[in-house]
PDB file of N, CA and C in Angstrom:
ATOM      1  N   CYS A   1     123.873 116.749 110.822  1.00  0.00           N
ATOM      2  CA  CYS A   1     124.659 117.380 111.867  1.00  0.00           C
ATOM      3  C   CYS A   1     125.587 118.460 111.324  1.00  0.00           C
ATOM      4  N   ALA A   2     125.911 118.388 110.044  1.00  0.00           N
ATOM      5  CA  ALA A   2     126.827 119.385 109.478  1.00  0.00           C
ATOM      6  C   ALA A   2     126.261 120.790 109.614  1.00  0.00           C
ATOM      7  N   GLY A   3     124.945 120.933 109.555  1.00  0.00           N
ATOM      8  CA  GLY A   3     124.312 122.242 109.694  1.00  0.00           C
ATOM      9  C   GLY A   3     124.078 122.640 111.131  1.00  0.00           C
ATOM     10  N   GLY A   4     124.344 121.703 112.055  1.00  0.00           N
ATOM     11  CA  GLY A   4     124.128 121.958 113.466  1.00  0.00           C
ATOM     12  C   GLY A   4     122.723 121.576 113.890  1.00  0.00           C
ATOM     13  N   CYS A   5     122.559 121.289 115.158  1.00  0.00           N
ATOM     14  CA  CYS A   5     121.238 120.971 115.675  1.00  0.00           C
ATOM     15  C   CYS A   5     121.227 121.175 117.183  1.00  0.00           C
ATOM     16  N   VAL A   6     120.038 121.368 117.715  1.00  0.00           N
ATOM     17  CA  VAL A   6     119.855 121.521 119.155  1.00  0.00           C
ATOM     18  C   VAL A   6     118.571 120.802 119.553  1.00  0.00           C
ATOM     19  N   GLY A   7     118.430 120.487 120.809  1.00  0.00           N
ATOM     20  CA  GLY A   7     117.203 119.868 121.293  1.00  0.00           C
ATOM     21  C   GLY A   7     117.390 118.416 121.671  1.00  0.00           C
ATOM     22  N   LYS A   8     116.299 117.826 122.180  1.00  0.00           N
ATOM     23  CA  LYS A   8     116.395 116.459 122.691  1.00  0.00           C
ATOM     24  C   LYS A   8     116.527 115.411 121.592  1.00  0.00           C
ATOM     25  N   HIS A   9     116.264 115.762 120.336  1.00  0.00           N
ATOM     26  CA  HIS A   9     116.400 114.821 119.234  1.00  0.00           C
ATOM     27  C   HIS A   9     117.674 115.061 118.440  1.00  0.00           C
ATOM     28  N   CYS A  10     118.624 115.770 119.017  1.00  0.00           N
ATOM     29  CA  CYS A  10     119.911 116.031 118.388  1.00  0.00           C
ATOM     30  C   CYS A  10     120.916 115.014 118.920  1.00  0.00           C
ATOM     31  N   TYR A  11     121.504 114.240 118.017  1.00  0.00           N
ATOM     32  CA  TYR A  11     122.457 113.198 118.419  1.00  0.00           C
ATOM     33  C   TYR A  11     123.807 113.421 117.747  1.00  0.00           C
ATOM     34  N   CYS A  12     124.269 114.642 117.742  1.00  0.00           N
ATOM     35  CA  CYS A  12     125.487 114.990 117.016  1.00  0.00           C
ATOM     36  C   CYS A  12     126.752 114.958 117.881  1.00  0.00           C
ATOM     37  N   ASP A  13     126.697 114.336 119.046  1.00  0.00           N
ATOM     38  CA  ASP A  13     127.848 114.363 119.945  1.00  0.00           C
ATOM     39  C   ASP A  13     129.095 113.700 119.353  1.00  0.00           C
ATOM     40  N   GLY A  14     128.950 112.774 118.409  1.00  0.00           N
ATOM     41  CA  GLY A  14     130.101 112.109 117.828  1.00  0.00           C
ATOM     42  C   GLY A  14     130.434 112.564 116.422  1.00  0.00           C
ATOM     43  N   PHE A  15     129.682 113.532 115.910  1.00  0.00           N
ATOM     44  CA  PHE A  15     129.874 114.001 114.543  1.00  0.00           C
ATOM     45  C   PHE A  15     131.243 114.639 114.361  1.00  0.00           C
ATOM     46  N   GLU A  16     131.875 114.327 113.228  1.00  0.00           N
ATOM     47  CA  GLU A  16     133.161 114.944 112.890  1.00  0.00           C
ATOM     48  C   GLU A  16     132.997 115.736 111.608  1.00  0.00           C
ATOM     49  N   ALA A  17     133.391 116.989 111.630  1.00  0.00           N
ATOM     50  CA  ALA A  17     133.207 117.887 110.493  1.00  0.00           C
ATOM     51  C   ALA A  17     133.953 117.421 109.245  1.00  0.00           C
ATOM     52  N   THR A  18     134.944 116.533 109.389  1.00  0.00           N
ATOM     53  CA  THR A  18     135.722 116.065 108.239  1.00  0.00           C
ATOM     54  C   THR A  18     134.989 114.986 107.440  1.00  0.00           C
ATOM     55  N   TRP A  19     133.867 114.463 107.958  1.00  0.00           N
ATOM     56  CA  TRP A  19     133.137 113.425 107.247  1.00  0.00           C
ATOM     57  C   TRP A  19     132.482 113.988 105.996  1.00  0.00           C
ATOM     58  N   SER A  20     132.484 113.186 104.937  1.00  0.00           N
ATOM     59  CA  SER A  20     131.796 113.575 103.710  1.00  0.00           C
ATOM     60  C   SER A  20     130.411 112.937 103.698  1.00  0.00           C
ATOM     61  N   LEU A  21     129.631 113.244 102.678  1.00  0.00           N
ATOM     62  CA  LEU A  21     128.308 112.634 102.560  1.00  0.00           C
ATOM     63  C   LEU A  21     128.404 111.128 102.330  1.00  0.00           C
ATOM     64  N   ALA A  22     129.567 110.646 101.875  1.00  0.00           N
ATOM     65  CA  ALA A  22     129.756 109.216 101.618  1.00  0.00           C
ATOM     66  C   ALA A  22     130.087 108.434 102.891  1.00  0.00           C
ATOM     67  N   THR A  23     130.356 109.114 103.991  1.00  0.00           N
ATOM     68  CA  THR A  23     130.676 108.436 105.247  1.00  0.00           C
ATOM     69  C   THR A  23     129.437 107.687 105.720  1.00  0.00           C
ATOM     70  N   PRO A  24     129.563 106.357 105.984  1.00  0.00           N
ATOM     71  CA  PRO A  24     128.377 105.554 106.298  1.00  0.00           C
ATOM     72  C   PRO A  24     127.904 105.625 107.747  1.00  0.00           C
ATOM     73  N   VAL A  25     128.261 106.672 108.467  1.00  0.00           N
ATOM     74  CA  VAL A  25     127.927 106.760 109.879  1.00  0.00           C
ATOM     75  C   VAL A  25     126.640 107.558 110.075  1.00  0.00           C
ATOM     76  N   LEU A  26     125.719 106.994 110.856  1.00  0.00           N
ATOM     77  CA  LEU A  26     124.496 107.696 111.225  1.00  0.00           C
ATOM     78  C   LEU A  26     124.667 108.245 112.634  1.00  0.00           C
ATOM     79  N   CYS A  27     124.193 109.436 112.882  1.00  0.00           N
ATOM     80  CA  CYS A  27     124.255 110.038 114.213  1.00  0.00           C
ATOM     81  C   CYS A  27     122.943 109.760 114.939  1.00  0.00           C
ATOM     82  N   VAL A  28     122.819 108.550 115.469  1.00  0.00           N
ATOM     83  CA  VAL A  28     121.608 108.133 116.184  1.00  0.00           C
ATOM     84  C   VAL A  28     122.010 107.244 117.365  1.00  0.00           C
ATOM     85  N   PRO A  29     121.174 107.162 118.397  1.00  0.00           N
ATOM     86  CA  PRO A  29     121.453 106.272 119.531  1.00  0.00           C
ATOM     87  C   PRO A  29     121.200 104.811 119.115  1.00  0.00           C
ATOM     88  N   PRO A  30     121.672 103.857 119.920  1.00  0.00           N
ATOM     89  CA  PRO A  30     121.538 102.436 119.575  1.00  0.00           C
ATOM     90  C   PRO A  30     120.112 101.981 119.248  1.00  0.00           C
ATOM     91  N   GLN A  31     119.109 102.452 119.973  1.00  0.00           N
ATOM     92  CA  GLN A  31     117.738 102.021 119.716  1.00  0.00           C
ATOM     93  C   GLN A  31     117.269 102.434 118.320  1.00  0.00           C
ATOM     94  N   LYS A  32     117.623 103.647 117.911  1.00  0.00           N
ATOM     95  CA  LYS A  32     117.227 104.117 116.580  1.00  0.00           C
ATOM     96  C   LYS A  32     118.046 103.418 115.507  1.00  0.00           C
ATOM     97  N   CYS A  33     119.272 103.041 115.826  1.00  0.00           N
ATOM     98  CA  CYS A  33     120.109 102.288 114.895  1.00  0.00           C
ATOM     99  C   CYS A  33     119.494 100.915 114.643  1.00  0.00           C
ATOM    100  N   GLN A  34     119.065 100.246 115.707  1.00  0.00           N
ATOM    101  CA  GLN A  34     118.426  98.942 115.582  1.00  0.00           C
ATOM    102  C   GLN A  34     117.146  99.049 114.749  1.00  0.00           C
ATOM    103  N   ALA A  35     116.365 100.085 114.984  1.00  0.00           N
ATOM    104  CA  ALA A  35     115.134 100.284 114.227  1.00  0.00           C
ATOM    105  C   ALA A  35     115.428 100.531 112.746  1.00  0.00           C
ATOM    106  N   ALA A  36     116.480 101.294 112.456  1.00  0.00           N
ATOM    107  CA  ALA A  36     116.858 101.560 111.066  1.00  0.00           C
ATOM    108  C   ALA A  36     117.278 100.277 110.369  1.00  0.00           C
ATOM    109  N   CYS A  37     118.010  99.418 111.063  1.00  0.00           N
ATOM    110  CA  CYS A  37     118.427  98.141 110.483  1.00  0.00           C
ATOM    111  C   CYS A  37     117.222  97.230 110.268  1.00  0.00           C
ATOM    112  N   SER A  38     116.322  97.176 111.232  1.00  0.00           N
ATOM    113  CA  SER A  38     115.131  96.333 111.114  1.00  0.00           C
ATOM    114  C   SER A  38     114.250  96.764 109.938  1.00  0.00           C
ATOM    115  N   ALA A  39     114.229  98.050 109.650  1.00  0.00           N
ATOM    116  CA  ALA A  39     113.403  98.574 108.569  1.00  0.00           C
ATOM    117  C   ALA A  39     114.049  98.437 107.191  1.00  0.00           C
ATOM    118  N   ASN A  40     115.320  98.030 107.147  1.00  0.00           N
ATOM    119  CA  ASN A  40     116.061  97.944 105.894  1.00  0.00           C
ATOM    120  C   ASN A  40     116.330  96.483 105.566  1.00  0.00           C
ATOM    121  N   SER A  41     115.763  95.973 104.483  1.00  0.00           N
ATOM    122  CA  SER A  41     115.923  94.552 104.136  1.00  0.00           C
ATOM    123  C   SER A  41     117.355  94.196 103.754  1.00  0.00           C
ATOM    124  N   LEU A  42     118.169  95.156 103.346  1.00  0.00           N
ATOM    125  CA  LEU A  42     119.564  94.886 102.992  1.00  0.00           C
ATOM    126  C   LEU A  42     120.492  94.882 104.203  1.00  0.00           C
ATOM    127  N   CYS A  43     120.007  95.350 105.337  1.00  0.00           N
ATOM    128  CA  CYS A  43     120.830  95.433 106.544  1.00  0.00           C
ATOM    129  C   CYS A  43     120.890  94.063 107.212  1.00  0.00           C
ATOM    130  N   ASN A  44     122.122  93.578 107.474  1.00  0.00           N
ATOM    131  CA  ASN A  44     122.256  92.299 108.172  1.00  0.00           C
ATOM    132  C   ASN A  44     122.828  92.470 109.570  1.00  0.00           C
ATOM    133  N   GLY A  45     123.042  93.708 109.982  1.00  0.00           N
ATOM    134  CA  GLY A  45     123.561  93.983 111.309  1.00  0.00           C
ATOM    135  C   GLY A  45     123.924  95.445 111.428  1.00  0.00           C
ATOM    136  N   PHE A  46     124.414  95.811 112.598  1.00  0.00           N
ATOM    137  CA  PHE A  46     124.816  97.204 112.790  1.00  0.00           C
ATOM    138  C   PHE A  46     125.878  97.287 113.863  1.00  0.00           C
ATOM    139  N   GLU A  47     126.603  98.374 113.832  1.00  0.00           N
ATOM    140  CA  GLU A  47     127.623  98.656 114.830  1.00  0.00           C
ATOM    141  C   GLU A  47     127.271  99.961 115.508  1.00  0.00           C
ATOM    142  N   VAL A  48     127.441  99.992 116.816  1.00  0.00           N
ATOM    143  CA  VAL A  48     127.199 101.216 117.573  1.00  0.00           C
ATOM    144  C   VAL A  48     128.432 101.542 118.399  1.00  0.00           C
ATOM    145  N   HIS A  49     128.688 102.814 118.532  1.00  0.00           N
ATOM    146  CA  HIS A  49     129.815 103.276 119.346  1.00  0.00           C
ATOM    147  C   HIS A  49     129.449 103.119 120.815  1.00  0.00           C
ATOM    148  N   SER A  50     130.412 102.755 121.639  1.00  0.00           N
ATOM    149  CA  SER A  50     130.129 102.485 123.052  1.00  0.00           C
ATOM    150  C   SER A  50     129.788 103.722 123.866  1.00  0.00           C
ATOM    151  N   SER A  51     130.207 104.908 123.440  1.00  0.00           N
ATOM    152  CA  SER A  51     129.927 106.089 124.250  1.00  0.00           C
ATOM    153  C   SER A  51     129.347 107.272 123.477  1.00  0.00           C
ATOM    154  N   LEU A  52     129.298 107.189 122.154  1.00  0.00           N
ATOM    155  CA  LEU A  52     128.766 108.279 121.334  1.00  0.00           C
ATOM    156  C   LEU A  52     127.551 107.790 120.552  1.00  0.00           C
ATOM    157  N   ASN A  53     126.706 108.699 120.126  1.00  0.00           N
ATOM    158  CA  ASN A  53     125.530 108.349 119.328  1.00  0.00           C
ATOM    159  C   ASN A  53     125.923 108.183 117.863  1.00  0.00           C
ATOM    160  N   LEU A  54     126.640 107.099 117.578  1.00  0.00           N
ATOM    161  CA  LEU A  54     127.096 106.794 116.228  1.00  0.00           C
ATOM    162  C   LEU A  54     126.690 105.380 115.867  1.00  0.00           C
ATOM    163  N   CYS A  55     126.345 105.170 114.608  1.00  0.00           N
ATOM    164  CA  CYS A  55     125.820 103.888 114.140  1.00  0.00           C
ATOM    165  C   CYS A  55     126.277 103.650 112.711  1.00  0.00           C
ATOM    166  N   ILE A  56     126.623 102.410 112.409  1.00  0.00           N
ATOM    167  CA  ILE A  56     126.946 102.006 111.041  1.00  0.00           C
ATOM    168  C   ILE A  56     126.097 100.776 110.731  1.00  0.00           C
ATOM    169  N   LEU A  57     125.271 100.857 109.690  1.00  0.00           N
ATOM    170  CA  LEU A  57     124.497  99.703 109.255  1.00  0.00           C
ATOM    171  C   LEU A  57     125.385  98.847 108.365  1.00  0.00           C
ATOM    172  N   THR A  58     125.334  97.521 108.519  1.00  0.00           N
ATOM    173  CA  THR A  58     126.119  96.637 107.665  1.00  0.00           C
ATOM    174  C   THR A  58     125.185  95.922 106.706  1.00  0.00           C
ATOM    175  N   ARG A  59     125.730  95.602 105.525  1.00  0.00           N
ATOM    176  CA  ARG A  59     124.933  94.951 104.493  1.00  0.00           C
ATOM    177  C   ARG A  59     125.486  93.569 104.214  1.00  0.00           C
ATOM    178  N   HIS A  60     124.733  92.771 103.534  1.00  0.00           N
ATOM    179  CA  HIS A  60     125.127  91.400 103.228  1.00  0.00           C
ATOM    180  C   HIS A  60     126.453  91.338 102.477  1.00  0.00           C
ATOM    181  N   GLU A  61     126.744  92.307 101.623  1.00  0.00           N
ATOM    182  CA  GLU A  61     127.987  92.302 100.865  1.00  0.00           C
ATOM    183  C   GLU A  61     129.217  92.440 101.748  1.00  0.00           C
ATOM    184  N   VAL A  62     129.035  92.948 102.960  1.00  0.00           N
ATOM    185  CA  VAL A  62     130.164  93.164 103.867  1.00  0.00           C
ATOM    186  C   VAL A  62     130.669  91.839 104.428  1.00  0.00           C
ATOM    187  N   CYS A  63     129.810  90.839 104.481  1.00  0.00           N
ATOM    188  CA  CYS A  63     130.153  89.562 105.099  1.00  0.00           C
ATOM    189  C   CYS A  63     130.878  88.670 104.102  1.00  0.00           C
ATOM    190  N   ASP A  64     132.018  88.115 104.483  1.00  0.00           N
ATOM    191  CA  ASP A  64     132.769  87.174 103.677  1.00  0.00           C
ATOM    192  C   ASP A  64     132.100  85.803 103.836  1.00  0.00           C
ATOM    193  N   ALA A  65     131.532  85.276 102.763  1.00  0.00           N
ATOM    194  CA  ALA A  65     130.746  84.037 102.850  1.00  0.00           C
ATOM    195  C   ALA A  65     131.573  82.837 103.309  1.00  0.00           C
ATOM    196  N   LYS A  66     132.874  82.792 102.998  1.00  0.00           N
ATOM    197  CA  LYS A  66     133.695  81.643 103.389  1.00  0.00           C
ATOM    198  C   LYS A  66     134.021  81.657 104.873  1.00  0.00           C
ATOM    199  N   SER A  67     134.504  82.775 105.362  1.00  0.00           N
ATOM    200  CA  SER A  67     134.930  82.816 106.761  1.00  0.00           C
ATOM    201  C   SER A  67     133.845  83.338 107.686  1.00  0.00           C
ATOM    202  N   ARG A  68     132.747  83.866 107.111  1.00  0.00           N
ATOM    203  CA  ARG A  68     131.638  84.421 107.887  1.00  0.00           C
ATOM    204  C   ARG A  68     132.122  85.536 108.818  1.00  0.00           C
ATOM    205  N   THR A  69     133.146  86.249 108.401  1.00  0.00           N
ATOM    206  CA  THR A  69     133.654  87.354 109.218  1.00  0.00           C
ATOM    207  C   THR A  69     133.281  88.677 108.570  1.00  0.00           C
ATOM    208  N   PHE A  70     133.211  89.700 109.377  1.00  0.00           N
ATOM    209  CA  PHE A  70     132.855  91.015 108.876  1.00  0.00           C
ATOM    210  C   PHE A  70     134.106  91.855 108.703  1.00  0.00           C
ATOM    211  N   THR A  71     134.139  92.600 107.616  1.00  0.00           N
ATOM    212  CA  THR A  71     135.257  93.491 107.349  1.00  0.00           C
ATOM    213  C   THR A  71     134.838  94.928 107.598  1.00  0.00           C
ATOM    214  N   ALA A  72     133.888  95.118 108.457  1.00  0.00           N
ATOM    215  CA  ALA A  72     133.366  96.452 108.745  1.00  0.00           C
ATOM    216  C   ALA A  72     134.278  97.183 109.719  1.00  0.00           C
ATOM    217  N   HIS A  73     133.814  98.277 110.243  1.00  0.00           N
ATOM    218  CA  HIS A  73     134.590  99.169 111.087  1.00  0.00           C
ATOM    219  C   HIS A  73     134.631  98.667 112.526  1.00  0.00           C
ATOM    220  N   VAL A  74     135.247  97.526 112.763  1.00  0.00           N
ATOM    221  CA  VAL A  74     135.240  96.942 114.095  1.00  0.00           C
ATOM    222  C   VAL A  74     136.472  97.422 114.878  1.00  0.00           C
ATOM    223  N   PHE A  75     136.241  98.233 115.862  1.00  0.00           N
ATOM    224  CA  PHE A  75     137.280  98.711 116.757  1.00  0.00           C
ATOM    225  C   PHE A  75     136.817  98.465 118.178  1.00  0.00           C
ATOM    226  N   ARG A  76     137.696  98.633 119.115  1.00  0.00           N
ATOM    227  CA  ARG A  76     137.373  98.347 120.506  1.00  0.00           C
ATOM    228  C   ARG A  76     136.185  99.156 121.013  1.00  0.00           C
ATOM    229  N   GLU A  77     136.013 100.378 120.551  1.00  0.00           N
ATOM    230  CA  GLU A  77     134.919 101.208 121.059  1.00  0.00           C
ATOM    231  C   GLU A  77     133.611 101.016 120.289  1.00  0.00           C
ATOM    232  N   TRP A  78     133.562 100.052 119.394  1.00  0.00           N
ATOM    233  CA  TRP A  78     132.353  99.749 118.631  1.00  0.00           C
ATOM    234  C   TRP A  78     131.855  98.350 118.981  1.00  0.00           C
ATOM    235  N   ASP A  79     130.536  98.185 119.085  1.00  0.00           N
ATOM    236  CA  ASP A  79     129.908  96.883 119.326  1.00  0.00           C
ATOM    237  C   ASP A  79     129.109  96.499 118.092  1.00  0.00           C
ATOM    238  N   HIS A  80     129.267  95.248 117.651  1.00  0.00           N
ATOM    239  CA  HIS A  80     128.564  94.778 116.454  1.00  0.00           C
ATOM    240  C   HIS A  80     127.390  93.895 116.851  1.00  0.00           C
ATOM    241  N   TYR A  81     126.256  94.101 116.209  1.00  0.00           N
ATOM    242  CA  TYR A  81     125.066  93.287 116.413  1.00  0.00           C
ATOM    243  C   TYR A  81     124.650  92.726 115.059  1.00  0.00           C
ATOM    244  N   GLN A  82     124.464  91.428 114.985  1.00  0.00           N
ATOM    245  CA  GLN A  82     124.108  90.793 113.727  1.00  0.00           C
ATOM    246  C   GLN A  82     122.649  90.356 113.734  1.00  0.00           C
ATOM    247  N   LYS A  83     121.960  90.640 112.636  1.00  0.00           N
ATOM    248  CA  LYS A  83     120.563  90.229 112.489  1.00  0.00           C
ATOM    249  C   LYS A  83     120.539  88.757 112.094  1.00  0.00           C
ATOM    250  N   LEU A  84     119.827  87.937 112.851  1.00  0.00           N
ATOM    251  CA  LEU A  84     119.714  86.514 112.575  1.00  0.00           C
ATOM    252  C   LEU A  84     118.252  86.141 112.412  1.00  0.00           C
ATOM    253  N   PRO A  85     117.971  85.104 111.619  1.00  0.00           N
ATOM    254  CA  PRO A  85     116.572  84.698 111.457  1.00  0.00           C
ATOM    255  C   PRO A  85     116.006  84.126 112.750  1.00  0.00           C
ATOM    256  N   GLY A  86     114.711  84.191 112.893  1.00  0.00           N
ATOM    257  CA  GLY A  86     114.065  83.654 114.084  1.00  0.00           C
ATOM    258  C   GLY A  86     113.827  84.732 115.125  1.00  0.00           C
ATOM    259  N   ARG A  87     113.416  84.289 116.297  1.00  0.00           N
ATOM    260  CA  ARG A  87     113.150  85.204 117.398  1.00  0.00           C
ATOM    261  C   ARG A  87     114.016  84.824 118.578  1.00  0.00           C
ATOM    262  N   ALA A  88     114.510  85.797 119.286  1.00  0.00           N
ATOM    263  CA  ALA A  88     115.377  85.550 120.440  1.00  0.00           C
ATOM    264  C   ALA A  88     114.601  84.888 121.569  1.00  0.00           C
ATOM    265  N   CYS A  89     115.279  84.000 122.254  1.00  0.00           N
ATOM    266  CA  CYS A  89     114.745  83.352 123.461  1.00  0.00           C
ATOM    267  C   CYS A  89     113.476  82.549 123.204  1.00  0.00           C
ATOM    268  N   THR A  90     113.378  81.927 122.025  1.00  0.00           N
ATOM    269  CA  THR A  90     112.211  81.099 121.732  1.00  0.00           C
ATOM    270  C   THR A  90     112.599  79.656 121.418  1.00  0.00           C
ATOM    271  N   ASP A  91     113.871  79.401 121.140  1.00  0.00           N
ATOM    272  CA  ASP A  91     114.343  78.053 120.849  1.00  0.00           C
ATOM    273  C   ASP A  91     115.148  77.530 122.033  1.00  0.00           C
ATOM    274  N   VAL A  92     115.110  76.222 122.251  1.00  0.00           N
ATOM    275  CA  VAL A  92     115.855  75.610 123.351  1.00  0.00           C
ATOM    276  C   VAL A  92     117.341  75.944 123.237  1.00  0.00           C
ATOM    277  N   GLY A  93     117.878  75.965 122.020  1.00  0.00           N
ATOM    278  CA  GLY A  93     119.289  76.273 121.801  1.00  0.00           C
ATOM    279  C   GLY A  93     119.700  77.664 122.254  1.00  0.00           C
ATOM    280  N   ASP A  94     118.736  78.565 122.375  1.00  0.00           N
ATOM    281  CA  ASP A  94     119.035  79.920 122.837  1.00  0.00           C
ATOM    282  C   ASP A  94     119.520  79.924 124.283  1.00  0.00           C
ATOM    283  N   PHE A  95     119.254  78.858 125.011  1.00  0.00           N
ATOM    284  CA  PHE A  95     119.588  78.802 126.428  1.00  0.00           C
ATOM    285  C   PHE A  95     120.711  77.811 126.722  1.00  0.00           C
ATOM    286  N   SER A  96     121.456  77.402 125.706  1.00  0.00           N
ATOM    287  CA  SER A  96     122.475  76.367 125.902  1.00  0.00           C
ATOM    288  C   SER A  96     123.802  76.906 126.432  1.00  0.00           C
ATOM    289  N   THR A  97     124.040  78.189 126.371  1.00  0.00           N
ATOM    290  CA  THR A  97     125.287  78.765 126.866  1.00  0.00           C
ATOM    291  C   THR A  97     125.183  79.008 128.361  1.00  0.00           C
ATOM    292  N   LYS A  98     126.083  78.373 129.105  1.00  0.00           N
ATOM    293  CA  LYS A  98     126.079  78.536 130.557  1.00  0.00           C
ATOM    294  C   LYS A  98     126.796  79.848 130.917  1.00  0.00           C
ATOM    295  N   ALA A  99     126.106  80.722 131.574  1.00  0.00           N
ATOM    296  CA  ALA A  99     126.676  82.011 131.943  1.00  0.00           C
ATOM    297  C   ALA A  99     127.182  82.025 133.382  1.00  0.00           C
ATOM    298  N   GLY A 100     126.795  81.061 134.181  1.00  0.00           N
ATOM    299  CA  GLY A 100     127.216  81.021 135.579  1.00  0.00           C
ATOM    300  C   GLY A 100     126.232  80.209 136.393  1.00  0.00           C
ATOM    301  N   GLU A 101     126.345  80.301 137.682  1.00  0.00           N
ATOM    302  CA  GLU A 101     125.459  79.583 138.575  1.00  0.00           C
ATOM    303  C   GLU A 101     124.909  80.533 139.625  1.00  0.00           C
ATOM    304  N   LEU A 102     123.705  80.243 140.074  1.00  0.00           N
ATOM    305  CA  LEU A 102     123.057  81.055 141.097  1.00  0.00           C
ATOM    306  C   LEU A 102     122.652  80.151 142.247  1.00  0.00           C
ATOM    307  N   TYR A 103     123.071  80.533 143.425  1.00  0.00           N
ATOM    308  CA  TYR A 103     122.724  79.768 144.638  1.00  0.00           C
ATOM    309  C   TYR A 103     121.869  80.650 145.530  1.00  0.00           C
ATOM    310  N   VAL A 104     120.800  80.087 146.034  1.00  0.00           N
ATOM    311  CA  VAL A 104     119.896  80.832 146.912  1.00  0.00           C
ATOM    312  C   VAL A 104     119.914  80.220 148.280  1.00  0.00           C
TER     313      VAL A 104
END
């Protein structure tokens, strides 16, 4: 994004010119962020900005093994997604959280 871009594959809306090459932020939408994390064996999760095309991949070293908490860039406008083993919605335990009731 530092060189500028245009077109439907340009996701520079959240880019800040003050960032250096060491800044761990990717300028991609959430779907591409998830794909980047899935393709990276060191990635254990990712954070996406709630309104801008910004993404931060997290690595295993970021997680504190004792408290299981992340020391990443967690702010109110960022959502964190953690990669867990298994497949979603395939175990009985995946459905144990009651979200509400539906009456017909």
